[in-house]
Every structure is written in structure tokens, then in C-alpha cells.
Amino acid sequence: MQLVWFVINIFFVASAIVMLFAHRSLTEAQRQGAPAARLIRLRRLRTTLQILTVLLFVAMATSFLINMKLNG
């Protein structure tokens, strides 16, 4: 079970980092006055990554609690 937690944790951390880069990309595009179509695409990407990150956090926390219950 520790391997499951470890793998989910790696994916969570990676998705959090990618989500932060997507957020930075959006804010830089807004600051530079990018076309509206690009801003919409970046907002959708950021929102999708935020949802994925939250889901992976819940999965990580759940697998951690299961691991703690099994191993004491």
C-alpha cells in the first residue's frame, strides 16, 4: 500500500507544479494583452489542472489514511 501512496503522491506533486506553471502562463498572457482566444484556452487548461490536482490530493490523502490504518 505504501507504493500506491508514493505513486499517487508523485503524480500530485507533479500536477501541482504544472498547475502553477499554467497559472503563471495565464497571468503573463493577461499582463501582455494576449488575444482573447488564447486567454480562454489558458483558463480552461488552468481550471482542468486545478481540478486534477484537487482530485489527486484527495486520492493521496485517502491512500495515506488507508496505509496508516493497515500498518498501524
N, C-alpha and C. Protein backbone atom coordinates (compact mmCIF):
# COMPACT_ATOMS: atom_id res chain seq x y z
N MET A 1 0.83 -1.20 0.00
CA MET A 1 0.00 0.00 0.00
C MET A 1 0.86 1.25 0.00
N GLN A 2 2.07 1.14 0.54
CA GLN A 2 2.95 2.31 0.55
C GLN A 2 3.33 2.73 -0.86
N LEU A 3 3.47 1.75 -1.76
CA LEU A 3 3.81 2.07 -3.14
C LEU A 3 2.68 2.84 -3.81
N VAL A 4 1.44 2.48 -3.51
CA VAL A 4 0.29 3.19 -4.08
C VAL A 4 0.32 4.65 -3.61
N TRP A 5 0.52 4.87 -2.32
CA TRP A 5 0.59 6.23 -1.79
C TRP A 5 1.73 7.00 -2.43
N PHE A 6 2.88 6.36 -2.57
CA PHE A 6 4.05 7.02 -3.13
C PHE A 6 3.81 7.45 -4.58
N VAL A 7 3.23 6.58 -5.38
CA VAL A 7 2.97 6.90 -6.78
C VAL A 7 1.94 8.02 -6.90
N ILE A 8 0.87 7.94 -6.13
CA ILE A 8 -0.14 8.99 -6.15
C ILE A 8 0.46 10.31 -5.68
N ASN A 9 1.32 10.26 -4.68
CA ASN A 9 1.98 11.45 -4.18
C ASN A 9 2.85 12.10 -5.26
N ILE A 10 3.57 11.29 -6.02
CA ILE A 10 4.41 11.82 -7.10
C ILE A 10 3.54 12.52 -8.14
N PHE A 11 2.43 11.87 -8.53
CA PHE A 11 1.53 12.49 -9.51
C PHE A 11 0.91 13.78 -8.96
N PHE A 12 0.57 13.80 -7.68
CA PHE A 12 0.00 15.01 -7.07
C PHE A 12 1.01 16.16 -7.12
N VAL A 13 2.23 15.90 -6.71
CA VAL A 13 3.25 16.96 -6.69
C VAL A 13 3.52 17.45 -8.11
N ALA A 14 3.62 16.54 -9.06
CA ALA A 14 3.86 16.93 -10.45
C ALA A 14 2.70 17.77 -10.98
N SER A 15 1.47 17.37 -10.68
CA SER A 15 0.32 18.13 -11.18
C SER A 15 0.24 19.50 -10.51
N ALA A 16 0.63 19.59 -9.25
CA ALA A 16 0.63 20.89 -8.57
C ALA A 16 1.65 21.84 -9.23
N ILE A 17 2.81 21.32 -9.55
CA ILE A 17 3.84 22.14 -10.19
C ILE A 17 3.38 22.58 -11.57
N VAL A 18 2.82 21.67 -12.35
CA VAL A 18 2.34 22.02 -13.69
C VAL A 18 1.20 23.02 -13.60
N MET A 19 0.33 22.88 -12.61
CA MET A 19 -0.76 23.82 -12.43
C MET A 19 -0.23 25.22 -12.11
N LEU A 20 0.81 25.30 -11.31
CA LEU A 20 1.39 26.61 -11.01
C LEU A 20 2.00 27.25 -12.25
N PHE A 21 2.63 26.45 -13.10
CA PHE A 21 3.16 26.99 -14.35
C PHE A 21 2.04 27.44 -15.28
N ALA A 22 0.93 26.70 -15.31
CA ALA A 22 -0.22 27.11 -16.13
C ALA A 22 -0.81 28.42 -15.61
N HIS A 23 -0.86 28.58 -14.30
CA HIS A 23 -1.36 29.83 -13.71
C HIS A 23 -0.45 31.00 -14.08
N ARG A 24 0.85 30.75 -14.01
CA ARG A 24 1.80 31.81 -14.37
C ARG A 24 1.67 32.16 -15.84
N SER A 25 1.49 31.16 -16.68
CA SER A 25 1.32 31.40 -18.11
C SER A 25 0.09 32.27 -18.37
N LEU A 26 -0.99 31.99 -17.68
CA LEU A 26 -2.21 32.78 -17.85
C LEU A 26 -2.01 34.22 -17.38
N THR A 27 -1.41 34.40 -16.22
CA THR A 27 -1.24 35.77 -15.72
C THR A 27 -0.28 36.56 -16.61
N GLU A 28 0.74 35.92 -17.14
CA GLU A 28 1.66 36.61 -18.06
C GLU A 28 0.94 36.98 -19.35
N ALA A 29 0.10 36.10 -19.86
CA ALA A 29 -0.65 36.39 -21.08
C ALA A 29 -1.61 37.55 -20.85
N GLN A 30 -2.26 37.58 -19.69
CA GLN A 30 -3.15 38.69 -19.37
C GLN A 30 -2.37 39.99 -19.28
N ARG A 31 -1.20 39.95 -18.65
CA ARG A 31 -0.38 41.15 -18.48
C ARG A 31 0.10 41.70 -19.82
N GLN A 32 0.39 40.80 -20.75
CA GLN A 32 0.92 41.22 -22.05
C GLN A 32 -0.18 41.51 -23.07
N GLY A 33 -1.43 41.30 -22.69
CA GLY A 33 -2.54 41.62 -23.58
C GLY A 33 -2.69 40.62 -24.71
N ALA A 34 -2.67 39.36 -24.40
CA ALA A 34 -2.81 38.30 -25.41
C ALA A 34 -4.22 38.29 -25.97
N PRO A 35 -4.39 37.70 -27.14
CA PRO A 35 -5.74 37.60 -27.73
C PRO A 35 -6.70 36.82 -26.83
N ALA A 36 -7.97 37.13 -26.98
CA ALA A 36 -9.00 36.53 -26.12
C ALA A 36 -9.05 35.01 -26.27
N ALA A 37 -8.86 34.51 -27.47
CA ALA A 37 -8.91 33.06 -27.69
C ALA A 37 -7.82 32.35 -26.90
N ARG A 38 -6.65 32.93 -26.84
CA ARG A 38 -5.54 32.32 -26.08
C ARG A 38 -5.83 32.36 -24.59
N LEU A 39 -6.40 33.45 -24.11
CA LEU A 39 -6.74 33.56 -22.69
C LEU A 39 -7.79 32.52 -22.30
N ILE A 40 -8.78 32.31 -23.15
CA ILE A 40 -9.81 31.31 -22.87
C ILE A 40 -9.19 29.93 -22.79
N ARG A 41 -8.30 29.61 -23.75
CA ARG A 41 -7.65 28.30 -23.76
C ARG A 41 -6.79 28.11 -22.51
N LEU A 42 -6.08 29.15 -22.10
CA LEU A 42 -5.24 29.05 -20.90
C LEU A 42 -6.08 28.93 -19.63
N ARG A 43 -7.22 29.62 -19.59
CA ARG A 43 -8.11 29.49 -18.43
C ARG A 43 -8.66 28.08 -18.31
N ARG A 44 -9.05 27.49 -19.45
CA ARG A 44 -9.57 26.12 -19.43
C ARG A 44 -8.49 25.14 -18.97
N LEU A 45 -7.29 25.34 -19.46
CA LEU A 45 -6.18 24.47 -19.07
C LEU A 45 -5.92 24.59 -17.58
N ARG A 46 -5.88 25.82 -17.08
CA ARG A 46 -5.63 26.03 -15.65
C ARG A 46 -6.73 25.41 -14.79
N THR A 47 -7.98 25.60 -15.19
CA THR A 47 -9.10 25.04 -14.43
C THR A 47 -9.05 23.52 -14.43
N THR A 48 -8.76 22.93 -15.58
CA THR A 48 -8.64 21.47 -15.67
C THR A 48 -7.53 20.96 -14.76
N LEU A 49 -6.40 21.63 -14.76
CA LEU A 49 -5.29 21.21 -13.91
C LEU A 49 -5.61 21.41 -12.43
N GLN A 50 -6.35 22.45 -12.10
CA GLN A 50 -6.75 22.65 -10.70
C GLN A 50 -7.65 21.52 -10.23
N ILE A 51 -8.61 21.12 -11.06
CA ILE A 51 -9.50 20.02 -10.69
C ILE A 51 -8.71 18.73 -10.53
N LEU A 52 -7.81 18.46 -11.48
CA LEU A 52 -6.98 17.26 -11.41
C LEU A 52 -6.12 17.25 -10.14
N THR A 53 -5.56 18.39 -9.79
CA THR A 53 -4.73 18.49 -8.59
C THR A 53 -5.53 18.22 -7.32
N VAL A 54 -6.74 18.77 -7.25
CA VAL A 54 -7.59 18.54 -6.08
C VAL A 54 -7.96 17.05 -5.98
N LEU A 55 -8.31 16.45 -7.11
CA LEU A 55 -8.65 15.02 -7.10
C LEU A 55 -7.46 14.17 -6.67
N LEU A 56 -6.28 14.51 -7.16
CA LEU A 56 -5.09 13.75 -6.76
C LEU A 56 -4.76 13.97 -5.28
N PHE A 57 -5.04 15.17 -4.75
CA PHE A 57 -4.83 15.40 -3.33
C PHE A 57 -5.75 14.53 -2.49
N VAL A 58 -7.01 14.45 -2.90
CA VAL A 58 -7.97 13.61 -2.17
C VAL A 58 -7.53 12.14 -2.25
N ALA A 59 -7.10 11.70 -3.42
CA ALA A 59 -6.63 10.32 -3.57
C ALA A 59 -5.40 10.07 -2.72
N MET A 60 -4.48 11.03 -2.67
CA MET A 60 -3.27 10.89 -1.86
C MET A 60 -3.62 10.80 -0.38
N ALA A 61 -4.50 11.68 0.07
CA ALA A 61 -4.89 11.66 1.48
C ALA A 61 -5.60 10.36 1.84
N THR A 62 -6.47 9.89 0.96
CA THR A 62 -7.19 8.65 1.21
C THR A 62 -6.23 7.46 1.27
N SER A 63 -5.31 7.37 0.32
CA SER A 63 -4.37 6.26 0.33
C SER A 63 -3.44 6.33 1.54
N PHE A 64 -3.11 7.55 1.98
CA PHE A 64 -2.28 7.69 3.18
C PHE A 64 -3.03 7.18 4.42
N LEU A 65 -4.30 7.55 4.54
CA LEU A 65 -5.08 7.11 5.70
C LEU A 65 -5.29 5.61 5.68
N ILE A 66 -5.53 5.04 4.52
CA ILE A 66 -5.66 3.59 4.41
C ILE A 66 -4.34 2.91 4.81
N ASN A 67 -3.24 3.47 4.33
CA ASN A 67 -1.93 2.92 4.67
C ASN A 67 -1.69 2.98 6.18
N MET A 68 -2.06 4.08 6.82
CA MET A 68 -1.86 4.21 8.26
C MET A 68 -2.75 3.21 9.02
N LYS A 69 -3.96 2.99 8.53
CA LYS A 69 -4.85 2.05 9.20
C LYS A 69 -4.32 0.61 9.07
N LEU A 70 -3.79 0.26 7.91
CA LEU A 70 -3.28 -1.08 7.70
C LEU A 70 -1.99 -1.34 8.48
N ASN A 71 -1.11 -0.34 8.52
CA ASN A 71 0.20 -0.52 9.13
C ASN A 71 0.27 -0.05 10.58
N GLY A 72 -0.77 0.54 11.06
CA GLY A 72 -0.82 0.97 12.47
C GLY A 72 -0.13 2.22 12.69
